[in-house]
Amino acid sequence: LPSGTVSKAVQRLDTLNLLERNCAKELRARAPSVLLDSWAQRYQFSDHSLRKYHMVARSGSEALQALAARLSQQKRKWAATGLSAAWLYTSFAGFRLNTFLLEQHPTAPDALGLRPVERGENVWLLVPKDEQAFYGMVDLGVWCAHPVQVYLDLAAHHERAAEAAQELRAQRMTWRA
């Protein structure tokens, strides 16, 4: 982020008494959970460009591994998010729907084994509104978005997404209240 943007954000958070300084004068969130809840309330999944596809697979995890392998052969950034990434982080709850963040939509989805559909999709491809969605990606055998990004994206998912979000928060967002 541009330093001016960071400076303005820090000033605003400091004014709201949401930041604290440690003995080395480093800034940190006073209440990270409050910030996350506020962010989640304002987060607009619909700001991303979403395309829905179907991929032949026997399970959500089979589709995840197959599509991740195909995406790995490309030179663009990508990361799993949503239910599939939550499962990789926590091993909680099976899933059918795979969601991937991509730098741009594929020009030939069939080369990835994807067929565009209106209903019955098992793959969502998202081009995020900004590149910050790729910040803090983690390699769990499949590139995954940062747990905070996954948590935010789960709000737009069905299946057991609410439970998966709670489990992700309990296991991966263990900062103090």
N, C-alpha and C. Protein backbone atom coordinates (compact mmCIF):
# COMPACT_ATOMS: atom_id res chain seq x y z
N LEU A 1 0.83 -1.18 0.00
CA LEU A 1 0.00 0.00 0.00
C LEU A 1 0.87 1.24 0.00
N PRO A 2 0.43 2.29 -0.62
CA PRO A 2 1.18 3.55 -0.57
C PRO A 2 1.31 4.03 0.88
N SER A 3 2.45 4.61 1.21
CA SER A 3 2.70 5.03 2.59
C SER A 3 1.65 6.04 3.07
N GLY A 4 1.15 6.89 2.19
CA GLY A 4 0.11 7.85 2.57
C GLY A 4 -1.16 7.15 3.01
N THR A 5 -1.53 6.08 2.31
CA THR A 5 -2.73 5.32 2.67
C THR A 5 -2.54 4.66 4.03
N VAL A 6 -1.37 4.07 4.23
CA VAL A 6 -1.09 3.41 5.51
C VAL A 6 -1.12 4.45 6.63
N SER A 7 -0.49 5.58 6.40
CA SER A 7 -0.44 6.64 7.40
C SER A 7 -1.84 7.10 7.80
N LYS A 8 -2.71 7.31 6.82
CA LYS A 8 -4.08 7.74 7.10
C LYS A 8 -4.85 6.67 7.87
N ALA A 9 -4.67 5.41 7.48
CA ALA A 9 -5.36 4.31 8.16
C ALA A 9 -4.88 4.21 9.61
N VAL A 10 -3.57 4.30 9.81
CA VAL A 10 -3.02 4.23 11.17
C VAL A 10 -3.53 5.39 12.02
N GLN A 11 -3.53 6.59 11.45
CA GLN A 11 -4.03 7.76 12.20
C GLN A 11 -5.49 7.56 12.60
N ARG A 12 -6.29 7.07 11.68
CA ARG A 12 -7.71 6.86 11.97
C ARG A 12 -7.91 5.81 13.06
N LEU A 13 -7.20 4.68 12.93
CA LEU A 13 -7.30 3.61 13.93
C LEU A 13 -6.80 4.09 15.29
N ASP A 14 -5.74 4.89 15.28
CA ASP A 14 -5.20 5.43 16.53
C ASP A 14 -6.19 6.40 17.17
N THR A 15 -6.83 7.24 16.36
CA THR A 15 -7.84 8.18 16.86
C THR A 15 -9.00 7.43 17.52
N LEU A 16 -9.35 6.29 16.96
CA LEU A 16 -10.44 5.48 17.51
C LEU A 16 -9.98 4.61 18.69
N ASN A 17 -8.72 4.77 19.09
CA ASN A 17 -8.14 4.01 20.20
C ASN A 17 -8.13 2.51 19.93
N LEU A 18 -7.93 2.13 18.66
CA LEU A 18 -7.90 0.73 18.28
C LEU A 18 -6.48 0.19 18.16
N LEU A 19 -5.49 1.05 18.39
CA LEU A 19 -4.10 0.63 18.31
C LEU A 19 -3.41 0.83 19.65
N GLU A 20 -2.35 0.06 19.87
CA GLU A 20 -1.51 0.25 21.05
C GLU A 20 -0.06 0.08 20.62
N ARG A 21 0.85 0.59 21.42
CA ARG A 21 2.28 0.49 21.14
C ARG A 21 2.92 -0.38 22.21
N ASN A 22 3.84 -1.24 21.77
CA ASN A 22 4.58 -2.04 22.75
C ASN A 22 5.79 -1.26 23.24
N CYS A 23 6.65 -1.89 24.03
CA CYS A 23 7.79 -1.17 24.60
C CYS A 23 8.79 -0.72 23.53
N ALA A 24 8.77 -1.36 22.37
CA ALA A 24 9.65 -0.95 21.26
C ALA A 24 8.96 0.08 20.37
N LYS A 25 7.80 0.58 20.81
CA LYS A 25 7.02 1.59 20.08
C LYS A 25 6.41 1.06 18.78
N GLU A 26 6.31 -0.27 18.65
CA GLU A 26 5.67 -0.87 17.48
C GLU A 26 4.16 -0.87 17.69
N LEU A 27 3.45 -0.62 16.61
CA LEU A 27 1.98 -0.58 16.67
C LEU A 27 1.40 -1.97 16.48
N ARG A 28 0.31 -2.21 17.18
CA ARG A 28 -0.46 -3.43 16.97
C ARG A 28 -1.91 -3.14 17.32
N ALA A 29 -2.77 -3.98 16.85
CA ALA A 29 -4.20 -3.80 17.13
C ALA A 29 -4.47 -4.05 18.61
N ARG A 30 -5.23 -3.17 19.21
CA ARG A 30 -5.60 -3.34 20.62
C ARG A 30 -6.57 -4.51 20.77
N ALA A 31 -7.49 -4.65 19.83
CA ALA A 31 -8.50 -5.71 19.87
C ALA A 31 -8.69 -6.25 18.45
N PRO A 32 -7.82 -7.18 18.03
CA PRO A 32 -7.91 -7.70 16.65
C PRO A 32 -9.27 -8.28 16.30
N SER A 33 -9.94 -8.91 17.24
CA SER A 33 -11.25 -9.50 16.96
C SER A 33 -12.28 -8.43 16.61
N VAL A 34 -12.19 -7.28 17.27
CA VAL A 34 -13.11 -6.18 16.98
C VAL A 34 -12.85 -5.67 15.55
N LEU A 35 -11.59 -5.55 15.18
CA LEU A 35 -11.26 -5.11 13.82
C LEU A 35 -11.76 -6.12 12.79
N LEU A 36 -11.56 -7.40 13.06
CA LEU A 36 -12.02 -8.43 12.13
C LEU A 36 -13.54 -8.40 11.98
N ASP A 37 -14.25 -8.27 13.09
CA ASP A 37 -15.71 -8.22 13.02
C ASP A 37 -16.18 -7.01 12.22
N SER A 38 -15.52 -5.88 12.43
CA SER A 38 -15.88 -4.66 11.70
C SER A 38 -15.60 -4.84 10.21
N TRP A 39 -14.46 -5.41 9.89
CA TRP A 39 -14.09 -5.65 8.50
C TRP A 39 -15.11 -6.60 7.85
N ALA A 40 -15.45 -7.66 8.56
CA ALA A 40 -16.40 -8.64 8.01
C ALA A 40 -17.76 -7.99 7.73
N GLN A 41 -18.17 -7.05 8.57
CA GLN A 41 -19.46 -6.38 8.36
C GLN A 41 -19.44 -5.52 7.10
N ARG A 42 -18.29 -4.95 6.78
CA ARG A 42 -18.20 -4.05 5.63
C ARG A 42 -17.73 -4.73 4.35
N TYR A 43 -17.23 -5.95 4.47
CA TYR A 43 -16.66 -6.66 3.33
C TYR A 43 -17.74 -7.00 2.31
N GLN A 44 -17.46 -6.71 1.06
CA GLN A 44 -18.42 -6.95 -0.01
C GLN A 44 -17.86 -7.99 -0.99
N PHE A 45 -18.24 -9.23 -0.80
CA PHE A 45 -17.81 -10.31 -1.70
C PHE A 45 -18.21 -9.98 -3.14
N SER A 46 -19.32 -9.31 -3.30
CA SER A 46 -19.84 -8.98 -4.63
C SER A 46 -18.96 -7.97 -5.38
N ASP A 47 -18.00 -7.36 -4.69
CA ASP A 47 -17.06 -6.47 -5.38
C ASP A 47 -16.09 -7.23 -6.28
N HIS A 48 -15.96 -8.53 -6.03
CA HIS A 48 -15.09 -9.36 -6.86
C HIS A 48 -15.83 -9.78 -8.14
N SER A 49 -15.08 -10.09 -9.16
CA SER A 49 -15.67 -10.60 -10.40
C SER A 49 -15.74 -12.12 -10.30
N LEU A 50 -16.96 -12.65 -10.24
CA LEU A 50 -17.20 -14.07 -10.01
C LEU A 50 -17.69 -14.75 -11.28
N ARG A 51 -17.10 -15.91 -11.57
CA ARG A 51 -17.61 -16.78 -12.64
C ARG A 51 -17.78 -18.18 -12.08
N LYS A 52 -18.88 -18.82 -12.49
CA LYS A 52 -19.24 -20.14 -11.95
C LYS A 52 -18.99 -21.23 -12.99
N TYR A 53 -18.44 -22.34 -12.50
CA TYR A 53 -18.09 -23.45 -13.39
C TYR A 53 -18.44 -24.79 -12.75
N HIS A 54 -18.47 -25.80 -13.60
CA HIS A 54 -18.56 -27.17 -13.11
C HIS A 54 -17.32 -27.91 -13.58
N MET A 55 -16.80 -28.74 -12.70
CA MET A 55 -15.64 -29.57 -13.01
C MET A 55 -16.01 -31.00 -12.62
N VAL A 56 -15.71 -31.93 -13.49
CA VAL A 56 -16.00 -33.33 -13.20
C VAL A 56 -15.03 -33.80 -12.13
N ALA A 57 -15.58 -34.26 -11.00
CA ALA A 57 -14.78 -34.78 -9.90
C ALA A 57 -15.70 -35.56 -8.97
N ARG A 58 -15.13 -36.54 -8.28
CA ARG A 58 -15.92 -37.35 -7.35
C ARG A 58 -16.15 -36.66 -6.01
N SER A 59 -15.31 -35.67 -5.69
CA SER A 59 -15.44 -35.00 -4.41
C SER A 59 -14.89 -33.58 -4.53
N GLY A 60 -15.19 -32.77 -3.53
CA GLY A 60 -14.65 -31.42 -3.50
C GLY A 60 -13.14 -31.42 -3.42
N SER A 61 -12.57 -32.32 -2.62
CA SER A 61 -11.11 -32.35 -2.48
C SER A 61 -10.44 -32.84 -3.76
N GLU A 62 -11.09 -33.74 -4.49
CA GLU A 62 -10.52 -34.18 -5.77
C GLU A 62 -10.51 -33.01 -6.77
N ALA A 63 -11.58 -32.26 -6.82
CA ALA A 63 -11.64 -31.09 -7.70
C ALA A 63 -10.60 -30.05 -7.28
N LEU A 64 -10.45 -29.86 -5.97
CA LEU A 64 -9.46 -28.91 -5.45
C LEU A 64 -8.06 -29.26 -5.93
N GLN A 65 -7.68 -30.51 -5.74
CA GLN A 65 -6.32 -30.93 -6.12
C GLN A 65 -6.11 -30.86 -7.63
N ALA A 66 -7.11 -31.27 -8.40
CA ALA A 66 -6.98 -31.26 -9.86
C ALA A 66 -6.86 -29.83 -10.40
N LEU A 67 -7.71 -28.94 -9.91
CA LEU A 67 -7.67 -27.57 -10.41
C LEU A 67 -6.41 -26.86 -9.92
N ALA A 68 -5.99 -27.12 -8.70
CA ALA A 68 -4.75 -26.51 -8.18
C ALA A 68 -3.55 -26.95 -9.03
N ALA A 69 -3.52 -28.21 -9.41
CA ALA A 69 -2.41 -28.70 -10.25
C ALA A 69 -2.40 -28.00 -11.60
N ARG A 70 -3.57 -27.79 -12.17
CA ARG A 70 -3.65 -27.11 -13.47
C ARG A 70 -3.29 -25.63 -13.35
N LEU A 71 -3.74 -24.99 -12.29
CA LEU A 71 -3.42 -23.57 -12.07
C LEU A 71 -1.93 -23.38 -11.81
N SER A 72 -1.31 -24.36 -11.18
CA SER A 72 0.13 -24.28 -10.88
C SER A 72 0.98 -24.25 -12.14
N GLN A 73 0.45 -24.73 -13.24
CA GLN A 73 1.19 -24.73 -14.50
C GLN A 73 1.15 -23.38 -15.18
N GLN A 74 0.32 -22.48 -14.68
CA GLN A 74 0.22 -21.15 -15.25
C GLN A 74 1.15 -20.20 -14.51
N LYS A 75 1.43 -19.06 -15.10
CA LYS A 75 2.37 -18.11 -14.52
C LYS A 75 1.69 -17.01 -13.72
N ARG A 76 0.43 -17.16 -13.47
CA ARG A 76 -0.31 -16.12 -12.74
C ARG A 76 -0.53 -16.54 -11.29
N LYS A 77 -0.72 -15.53 -10.44
CA LYS A 77 -1.01 -15.77 -9.03
C LYS A 77 -2.41 -16.34 -8.88
N TRP A 78 -2.55 -17.27 -7.94
CA TRP A 78 -3.84 -17.84 -7.61
C TRP A 78 -3.79 -18.35 -6.17
N ALA A 79 -4.94 -18.49 -5.56
CA ALA A 79 -5.01 -19.04 -4.21
C ALA A 79 -6.42 -19.55 -3.95
N ALA A 80 -6.50 -20.67 -3.25
CA ALA A 80 -7.79 -21.18 -2.81
C ALA A 80 -8.30 -20.29 -1.70
N THR A 81 -9.61 -20.16 -1.62
CA THR A 81 -10.25 -19.42 -0.54
C THR A 81 -11.57 -20.13 -0.22
N GLY A 82 -12.37 -19.56 0.63
CA GLY A 82 -13.68 -20.14 0.93
C GLY A 82 -13.59 -21.50 1.59
N LEU A 83 -14.56 -22.35 1.29
CA LEU A 83 -14.69 -23.65 1.95
C LEU A 83 -13.48 -24.55 1.76
N SER A 84 -12.94 -24.59 0.54
CA SER A 84 -11.81 -25.49 0.30
C SER A 84 -10.57 -25.05 1.08
N ALA A 85 -10.31 -23.75 1.13
CA ALA A 85 -9.16 -23.26 1.90
C ALA A 85 -9.40 -23.46 3.40
N ALA A 86 -10.61 -23.22 3.86
CA ALA A 86 -10.92 -23.45 5.28
C ALA A 86 -10.67 -24.91 5.64
N TRP A 87 -11.03 -25.80 4.74
CA TRP A 87 -10.80 -27.23 4.97
C TRP A 87 -9.30 -27.53 5.04
N LEU A 88 -8.52 -26.91 4.16
CA LEU A 88 -7.07 -27.13 4.19
C LEU A 88 -6.46 -26.59 5.48
N TYR A 89 -6.95 -25.49 5.98
CA TYR A 89 -6.44 -24.92 7.23
C TYR A 89 -6.87 -25.71 8.46
N THR A 90 -8.10 -26.26 8.46
CA THR A 90 -8.66 -26.82 9.70
C THR A 90 -9.06 -28.29 9.63
N SER A 91 -9.18 -28.86 8.44
CA SER A 91 -9.71 -30.22 8.25
C SER A 91 -11.13 -30.34 8.79
N PHE A 92 -11.84 -29.23 8.83
CA PHE A 92 -13.20 -29.21 9.35
C PHE A 92 -14.20 -29.24 8.20
N ALA A 93 -15.09 -30.17 8.23
CA ALA A 93 -16.24 -30.26 7.33
C ALA A 93 -15.86 -30.45 5.87
N GLY A 94 -16.40 -31.49 5.28
CA GLY A 94 -16.24 -31.70 3.86
C GLY A 94 -16.87 -30.56 3.08
N PHE A 95 -16.58 -30.49 1.81
CA PHE A 95 -17.08 -29.38 0.99
C PHE A 95 -17.28 -29.87 -0.43
N ARG A 96 -18.10 -29.19 -1.16
CA ARG A 96 -18.32 -29.45 -2.58
C ARG A 96 -17.78 -28.29 -3.41
N LEU A 97 -18.02 -27.07 -2.95
CA LEU A 97 -17.67 -25.88 -3.71
C LEU A 97 -16.21 -25.47 -3.47
N ASN A 98 -15.49 -25.31 -4.56
CA ASN A 98 -14.11 -24.81 -4.53
C ASN A 98 -14.10 -23.38 -5.04
N THR A 99 -13.42 -22.51 -4.31
CA THR A 99 -13.32 -21.11 -4.72
C THR A 99 -11.86 -20.75 -4.83
N PHE A 100 -11.51 -20.12 -5.95
CA PHE A 100 -10.13 -19.71 -6.19
C PHE A 100 -10.08 -18.23 -6.55
N LEU A 101 -9.13 -17.54 -5.97
CA LEU A 101 -8.80 -16.17 -6.37
C LEU A 101 -7.80 -16.27 -7.51
N LEU A 102 -8.01 -15.50 -8.57
CA LEU A 102 -7.11 -15.48 -9.72
C LEU A 102 -6.79 -14.04 -10.09
N GLU A 103 -5.63 -13.83 -10.68
CA GLU A 103 -5.28 -12.48 -11.14
C GLU A 103 -6.19 -12.04 -12.27
N GLN A 104 -6.59 -12.99 -13.12
CA GLN A 104 -7.54 -12.69 -14.19
C GLN A 104 -8.29 -13.96 -14.56
N HIS A 105 -9.47 -13.79 -15.11
CA HIS A 105 -10.26 -14.95 -15.51
C HIS A 105 -9.57 -15.67 -16.66
N PRO A 106 -9.68 -17.00 -16.68
CA PRO A 106 -9.04 -17.76 -17.76
C PRO A 106 -9.73 -17.48 -19.10
N THR A 107 -8.92 -17.39 -20.13
CA THR A 107 -9.48 -17.19 -21.47
C THR A 107 -10.00 -18.51 -22.04
N ALA A 108 -9.45 -19.63 -21.56
CA ALA A 108 -9.88 -20.95 -22.02
C ALA A 108 -10.16 -21.83 -20.80
N PRO A 109 -11.32 -21.65 -20.15
CA PRO A 109 -11.61 -22.44 -18.96
C PRO A 109 -11.63 -23.94 -19.22
N ASP A 110 -11.97 -24.34 -20.45
CA ASP A 110 -11.99 -25.77 -20.76
C ASP A 110 -10.60 -26.40 -20.62
N ALA A 111 -9.55 -25.62 -20.82
CA ALA A 111 -8.18 -26.13 -20.64
C ALA A 111 -7.91 -26.46 -19.17
N LEU A 112 -8.69 -25.86 -18.28
CA LEU A 112 -8.57 -26.16 -16.85
C LEU A 112 -9.56 -27.26 -16.42
N GLY A 113 -10.32 -27.78 -17.39
CA GLY A 113 -11.32 -28.79 -17.07
C GLY A 113 -12.61 -28.19 -16.55
N LEU A 114 -12.87 -26.94 -16.89
CA LEU A 114 -14.04 -26.23 -16.39
C LEU A 114 -15.05 -25.96 -17.48
N ARG A 115 -16.33 -26.10 -17.12
CA ARG A 115 -17.42 -25.79 -18.02
C ARG A 115 -18.29 -24.72 -17.37
N PRO A 116 -18.48 -23.57 -18.05
CA PRO A 116 -19.33 -22.52 -17.46
C PRO A 116 -20.76 -23.02 -17.25
N VAL A 117 -21.34 -22.67 -16.11
CA VAL A 117 -22.71 -23.07 -15.80
C VAL A 117 -23.44 -21.93 -15.10
N GLU A 118 -24.75 -21.97 -15.17
CA GLU A 118 -25.59 -21.01 -14.44
C GLU A 118 -25.94 -21.56 -13.06
N ARG A 119 -26.13 -22.90 -12.98
CA ARG A 119 -26.49 -23.58 -11.73
C ARG A 119 -25.68 -24.86 -11.63
N GLY A 120 -25.60 -25.38 -10.40
CA GLY A 120 -24.93 -26.66 -10.19
C GLY A 120 -23.42 -26.57 -10.22
N GLU A 121 -22.90 -25.39 -9.99
CA GLU A 121 -21.45 -25.21 -10.03
C GLU A 121 -20.77 -25.87 -8.84
N ASN A 122 -19.53 -26.28 -9.04
CA ASN A 122 -18.70 -26.73 -7.93
C ASN A 122 -17.37 -25.97 -7.89
N VAL A 123 -17.24 -24.96 -8.77
CA VAL A 123 -16.05 -24.11 -8.78
C VAL A 123 -16.50 -22.66 -8.99
N TRP A 124 -15.98 -21.79 -8.14
CA TRP A 124 -16.10 -20.35 -8.32
C TRP A 124 -14.71 -19.79 -8.58
N LEU A 125 -14.56 -19.04 -9.65
CA LEU A 125 -13.31 -18.34 -9.90
C LEU A 125 -13.57 -16.85 -9.68
N LEU A 126 -12.74 -16.26 -8.84
CA LEU A 126 -12.89 -14.86 -8.47
C LEU A 126 -11.68 -14.06 -8.87
N VAL A 127 -11.90 -12.95 -9.52
CA VAL A 127 -10.83 -11.98 -9.71
C VAL A 127 -11.13 -10.90 -8.67
N PRO A 128 -10.24 -10.78 -7.68
CA PRO A 128 -10.53 -9.83 -6.60
C PRO A 128 -10.48 -8.39 -7.07
N LYS A 129 -11.17 -7.56 -6.34
CA LYS A 129 -11.23 -6.13 -6.62
C LYS A 129 -9.84 -5.50 -6.56
N ASP A 130 -8.99 -6.00 -5.69
CA ASP A 130 -7.61 -5.49 -5.63
C ASP A 130 -6.67 -6.64 -5.25
N GLU A 131 -5.40 -6.39 -5.47
CA GLU A 131 -4.39 -7.43 -5.28
C GLU A 131 -4.15 -7.78 -3.82
N GLN A 132 -4.69 -6.99 -2.89
CA GLN A 132 -4.47 -7.26 -1.47
C GLN A 132 -5.05 -8.62 -1.06
N ALA A 133 -5.99 -9.16 -1.83
CA ALA A 133 -6.56 -10.47 -1.52
C ALA A 133 -5.50 -11.57 -1.56
N PHE A 134 -4.39 -11.32 -2.24
CA PHE A 134 -3.32 -12.32 -2.33
C PHE A 134 -2.28 -12.17 -1.22
N TYR A 135 -2.41 -11.15 -0.39
CA TYR A 135 -1.44 -10.89 0.66
C TYR A 135 -1.40 -12.06 1.65
N GLY A 136 -0.23 -12.52 1.99
CA GLY A 136 -0.06 -13.54 3.02
C GLY A 136 -0.49 -14.94 2.61
N MET A 137 -0.41 -15.25 1.32
CA MET A 137 -0.77 -16.59 0.87
C MET A 137 0.11 -17.63 1.57
N VAL A 138 -0.45 -18.82 1.79
CA VAL A 138 0.24 -19.90 2.49
C VAL A 138 0.19 -21.15 1.62
N ASP A 139 1.31 -21.86 1.54
CA ASP A 139 1.36 -23.10 0.78
C ASP A 139 1.02 -24.27 1.71
N LEU A 140 -0.15 -24.83 1.54
CA LEU A 140 -0.59 -26.00 2.32
C LEU A 140 -0.72 -27.20 1.39
N GLY A 141 0.21 -27.30 0.43
CA GLY A 141 0.10 -28.29 -0.63
C GLY A 141 -0.69 -27.71 -1.78
N VAL A 142 -1.49 -26.73 -1.49
CA VAL A 142 -2.25 -25.90 -2.42
C VAL A 142 -2.10 -24.48 -1.90
N TRP A 143 -1.86 -23.52 -2.77
CA TRP A 143 -1.77 -22.14 -2.32
C TRP A 143 -3.12 -21.72 -1.76
N CYS A 144 -3.11 -21.16 -0.57
CA CYS A 144 -4.33 -20.70 0.09
C CYS A 144 -4.20 -19.23 0.43
N ALA A 145 -5.30 -18.52 0.33
CA ALA A 145 -5.34 -17.13 0.78
C ALA A 145 -5.09 -17.11 2.29
N HIS A 146 -4.68 -15.96 2.79
CA HIS A 146 -4.47 -15.79 4.22
C HIS A 146 -5.76 -16.16 4.97
N PRO A 147 -5.66 -16.73 6.17
CA PRO A 147 -6.87 -17.11 6.91
C PRO A 147 -7.90 -15.99 7.08
N VAL A 148 -7.45 -14.75 7.21
CA VAL A 148 -8.41 -13.65 7.34
C VAL A 148 -9.19 -13.48 6.05
N GLN A 149 -8.52 -13.57 4.90
CA GLN A 149 -9.22 -13.47 3.61
C GLN A 149 -10.21 -14.62 3.46
N VAL A 150 -9.80 -15.82 3.82
CA VAL A 150 -10.68 -16.98 3.74
C VAL A 150 -11.91 -16.76 4.62
N TYR A 151 -11.68 -16.28 5.83
CA TYR A 151 -12.77 -16.01 6.77
C TYR A 151 -13.78 -15.03 6.17
N LEU A 152 -13.27 -13.95 5.59
CA LEU A 152 -14.14 -12.95 4.98
C LEU A 152 -14.94 -13.56 3.83
N ASP A 153 -14.27 -14.35 2.99
CA ASP A 153 -14.94 -14.93 1.82
C ASP A 153 -15.99 -15.97 2.20
N LEU A 154 -15.82 -16.63 3.33
CA LEU A 154 -16.78 -17.65 3.74
C LEU A 154 -18.19 -17.10 3.93
N ALA A 155 -18.31 -15.83 4.24
CA ALA A 155 -19.63 -15.23 4.45
C ALA A 155 -20.52 -15.35 3.21
N ALA A 156 -19.93 -15.46 2.03
CA ALA A 156 -20.70 -15.54 0.79
C ALA A 156 -20.98 -16.99 0.37
N HIS A 157 -20.50 -17.94 1.14
CA HIS A 157 -20.65 -19.35 0.78
C HIS A 157 -21.84 -20.00 1.48
N HIS A 158 -22.23 -21.14 0.94
CA HIS A 158 -23.34 -21.90 1.50
C HIS A 158 -22.75 -23.12 2.21
N GLU A 159 -23.40 -24.23 2.09
CA GLU A 159 -22.99 -25.48 2.72
C GLU A 159 -22.77 -25.21 4.21
N ARG A 160 -21.63 -25.58 4.75
CA ARG A 160 -21.35 -25.39 6.18
C ARG A 160 -20.38 -24.23 6.40
N ALA A 161 -20.52 -23.20 5.61
CA ALA A 161 -19.56 -22.09 5.64
C ALA A 161 -19.54 -21.36 6.99
N ALA A 162 -20.69 -21.15 7.60
CA ALA A 162 -20.71 -20.45 8.89
C ALA A 162 -19.95 -21.24 9.95
N GLU A 163 -20.15 -22.55 9.96
CA GLU A 163 -19.42 -23.40 10.91
C GLU A 163 -17.93 -23.43 10.58
N ALA A 164 -17.62 -23.49 9.30
CA ALA A 164 -16.22 -23.49 8.88
C ALA A 164 -15.53 -22.19 9.28
N ALA A 165 -16.25 -21.07 9.17
CA ALA A 165 -15.69 -19.78 9.57
C ALA A 165 -15.40 -19.76 11.07
N GLN A 166 -16.31 -20.28 11.87
CA GLN A 166 -16.09 -20.35 13.32
C GLN A 166 -14.87 -21.21 13.65
N GLU A 167 -14.76 -22.33 12.98
CA GLU A 167 -13.63 -23.23 13.23
C GLU A 167 -12.31 -22.60 12.79
N LEU A 168 -12.31 -21.95 11.65
CA LEU A 168 -11.11 -21.26 11.16
C LEU A 168 -10.68 -20.19 12.15
N ARG A 169 -11.65 -19.45 12.63
CA ARG A 169 -11.34 -18.39 13.59
C ARG A 169 -10.78 -18.98 14.89
N ALA A 170 -11.37 -20.08 15.35
CA ALA A 170 -10.91 -20.71 16.59
C ALA A 170 -9.50 -21.29 16.46
N GLN A 171 -9.20 -21.87 15.30
CA GLN A 171 -7.89 -22.52 15.12
C GLN A 171 -6.79 -21.59 14.63
N ARG A 172 -7.12 -20.63 13.78
CA ARG A 172 -6.08 -19.84 13.11
C ARG A 172 -6.02 -18.38 13.50
N MET A 173 -7.01 -17.89 14.18
CA MET A 173 -7.02 -16.47 14.57
C MET A 173 -7.05 -16.41 16.09
N THR A 174 -5.93 -16.82 16.66
CA THR A 174 -5.85 -17.04 18.10
C THR A 174 -5.28 -15.87 18.86
N TRP A 175 -5.36 -14.68 18.26
CA TRP A 175 -4.90 -13.51 19.00
C TRP A 175 -5.83 -13.27 20.17
N ARG A 176 -5.38 -12.47 21.08
CA ARG A 176 -6.21 -12.15 22.24
C ARG A 176 -7.37 -11.26 21.81
N ALA A 177 -8.44 -11.29 22.59
CA ALA A 177 -9.63 -10.50 22.29
C ALA A 177 -9.26 -9.05 22.30
